[in-house]
Amino acid sequence: MIHNAYAYITRKKVRTGILFLILMVILISLYGCLSILSSNTQLEKSLYTASQSSIVVSKKDGSEFKNQIFNNCVYEYEFVSKLEGTKVVSAKQGVSLDSLPEEYKNVVSVLATNTSSKNILFQSGVFTLTSGKNIESKDRNSILIHSELAKKNHLKVGDTIRLNSHTYTIKGIFEGKKHETYTGLSSDFSENMVFVDYQSLDTNMVTKLTIDSNDLKQVQSIYPSSEYIVSKDTKAYQSALESAQSVKHMIQILCYFIIVCGLIVLSLVLTFWLRNRVHEIGILLAIGKSKMEIIFQFVLELIFISIPLGIVVCVISLVFNQVSSFLLSYGLLMSIIIVSVLIASLMIMIKKPREILSKLS
């Protein structure tokens, strides 16, 4: 039967080519979906690990507190500052106060940090840096501003800006929209939020402290629960995790769709061609071959056709380190082949050998 299978696929080149294309589309589609699912699973694990490796400390009343010295800490100090020589972005609609004191006009929301890239607004994708670089621990007198604020005042990376008589150099420009609470101040709007380096404040006070540590109990011993909120930093990864899970769900549906379509198309093609092989089937039955042997030959034909394709995809999977995805996709292809052949061979399974042989006459 192995010899018969090989002889058939080498003699029927057109049919072999069509089956090769069908199997290629199924295998490559399955491999692509499973590779994305594998990468998505690794991403979820990385997000979970990262979310469990940081501890956030803040006061229950939201006030400032003195920071302790930890390795790999992110300091954040939030306040409102008056913008000098530059105009804030005004809102078209929203709450406005007519009797504001002079010191509360033209103000921006300032978040001082030693590592802006680790701020929740940047990590969650709410804010995205469009030009320049993020603030790092070595920076002094550096600032990040919103693209709308930069556009209104014709500012770019490298220009200077003044906050409460302190001059900062623009290191980066970002864009995005955060959740806003309107109190009547211009600092309420996302466009009027800036990030400055923590070192330029010359203070040891913070409003939020993020510590790279897994030892929650140690941090809680320093910051008692009666005054402080000490918890794992999971908020920064929730939106990214939800997006990853949404993509995973879509790819799973696509994978099921490919399997079902592959079964239908391959079964229809095989059913059509097996009707033209009644004489061959009858002769095999006449010389004593069983139905299972004949079906096994049909399966072997498709397996032989899929082997060159499997080798090519296997090499690709080795290059991209996705061997497990290839093994699973090729296993699914074998399952599709077997099920399709069984469906297409129903006319052999349900009919008696005499009925099939009678068609030869």
Foldseek 3Di string as FASTA:
>chain_A
DLVVLVVVCVVPVVLLVVLLVLLLVLLVLLLVLLVLLVVLVVVLVVLVVVLLQKKKKAWPVLDKDFDDDAPPKKFKAKDKWAWPPAAADDDPDDDADPPDPPRQARIAIEIAIQWVCPDLCNLLPQKDWDDFDTHHNPDEQEKEAEPVSCVVRVHDQQDWTDTPNRIHGYRTYMYHFDDFDDDNGSNRGPRRYMYHHNVNVVDRMGRMMMHRHNPQVVVCVVPPPVTMDMDGRNSSCPNVNVVSVVVSVVSVVVSVVSLVVSLVVLLVVLLVVVVVCLVVVLVCVVVPDDPVVVLVSQLSSSVVSCVVVLVVVCVVCVVVVNNVSSVVSVVSSSVSSSSSSCSSCVVVVVDDSVVSNVVVD
